[in-house]
Protein backbone atom coordinates (compact mmCIF):
# COMPACT_ATOMS: atom_id res chain seq x y z
CA MET A 1 45.21 76.67 39.76
CA THR A 2 41.62 76.35 40.75
CA TRP A 3 40.90 73.46 39.50
CA GLN A 4 43.33 71.68 41.37
CA ARG A 5 42.20 72.54 44.74
CA SER A 6 38.73 71.63 43.51
CA LEU A 7 39.76 68.54 42.51
CA GLN A 8 41.65 68.11 45.65
CA SER A 9 38.96 69.05 47.78
CA ALA A 10 36.90 66.39 45.51
CA VAL A 11 39.24 63.80 46.05
CA LYS A 12 39.29 64.20 49.82
CA ALA A 13 35.54 64.43 50.07
CA LEU A 14 35.75 60.95 48.35
CA LYS A 15 38.31 59.44 50.86
CA LYS A 16 36.20 60.80 53.63
CA GLU A 17 32.86 58.92 52.30
CA GLU A 18 34.84 56.05 51.31
CA THR A 19 36.04 56.00 55.23
CA ALA A 20 32.67 56.33 56.59
CA LEU A 21 31.40 53.66 53.96
CA GLN A 22 34.03 50.97 55.09
CA LYS A 23 32.94 51.73 58.79
CA GLN A 24 29.39 51.01 57.70
CA LEU A 25 30.91 47.82 55.93
CA ASP A 26 33.01 46.52 59.01
CA LEU A 27 29.65 46.89 60.98
CA VAL A 28 27.32 45.04 58.17
CA GLN A 29 30.20 42.34 58.12
CA GLY A 30 30.07 41.62 62.12
CA LYS A 31 26.35 41.49 62.45
CA ILE A 32 26.55 39.01 59.23
CA ALA A 33 29.37 36.91 61.89
CA GLU A 34 26.85 37.13 64.78
CA LEU A 35 23.83 35.81 62.93
CA ASP A 36 26.08 32.86 61.19
CA GLU A 37 27.60 31.84 64.42
CA MET A 38 24.22 32.05 66.07
CA SER A 39 22.91 29.71 63.25
CA ARG A 40 25.46 27.63 63.70
CA SER A 41 25.49 27.30 67.75
CA ASN A 42 23.04 24.26 68.83
CA THR A 43 21.07 26.06 71.73
CA GLY A 44 17.79 24.23 71.29
CA THR A 45 16.52 20.44 71.47
CA PRO A 46 16.20 19.52 68.15
CA ALA A 47 12.73 17.93 67.74
CA ALA A 48 14.27 14.64 66.03
CA LYS A 49 16.23 13.82 69.64
CA ARG A 50 12.83 14.08 71.62
CA GLY A 51 11.12 11.11 72.43
CA PRO A 52 8.16 10.13 70.52
CA ARG A 53 4.87 12.17 71.18
CA ARG A 54 2.18 10.02 72.87
CA LEU A 55 -1.29 10.48 72.57
CA SER A 56 -3.14 9.99 76.14
CA PRO A 57 -6.26 7.49 76.00
CA ALA A 58 -8.46 10.36 77.50
CA GLY A 59 -7.09 12.54 74.61
CA ARG A 60 -7.56 9.33 71.69
CA ALA A 61 -10.96 9.47 73.30
CA ALA A 62 -11.85 13.32 73.06
CA ILE A 63 -10.76 13.26 69.36
CA SER A 64 -12.89 10.38 68.41
CA ARG A 65 -16.03 11.87 70.30
CA ALA A 66 -14.99 15.05 68.34
CA ALA A 67 -14.86 13.05 64.92
CA LYS A 68 -17.61 11.31 65.51
CA LYS A 69 -19.82 14.19 66.39
CA ARG A 70 -18.69 15.97 62.98
CA TRP A 71 -19.57 12.90 60.91
CA ALA A 72 -22.94 12.70 62.53
CA ARG A 73 -23.65 16.62 61.97
CA TYR A 74 -22.60 15.97 58.26
CA ARG A 75 -24.88 12.81 57.62
CA ALA A 76 -27.54 14.99 59.45
CA ASP A 77 -27.41 17.88 57.13
CA GLN A 78 -26.68 15.17 53.90
CA ARG A 79 -30.18 13.52 55.17
CA SER A 80 -31.82 16.85 55.23
CA THR A 81 -31.05 18.25 51.77
CA GLY A 82 -31.98 15.28 50.37
CA ALA A 83 -28.38 14.66 48.71
CA LYS A 84 -28.17 11.24 47.09
CA ARG A 85 -24.85 9.33 46.84
CA LYS A 86 -23.53 8.60 43.34
CA ALA A 87 -23.09 5.78 41.95
CA ARG A 88 -20.08 4.34 41.73
CA GLY A 89 -18.43 3.06 38.14
């Protein structure tokens, strides 16, 4: 009856592996539940609930100066390369 003992030991090994896998599955399910709970909790202030973002006059002036400087550089490059505007139409 050697084959029966062999079969019993195989079943015993499979049950042991099943127990180990069940522990791993429980651990993974616990981690998933934690992440799900974290994603549902409202820990931060949503951007929609903040007031409108306003640009200071100094910031607006700095952006304007930078844009004017970029356009001046672009126009100077266009003049130096002799690029001509295409006619519309």
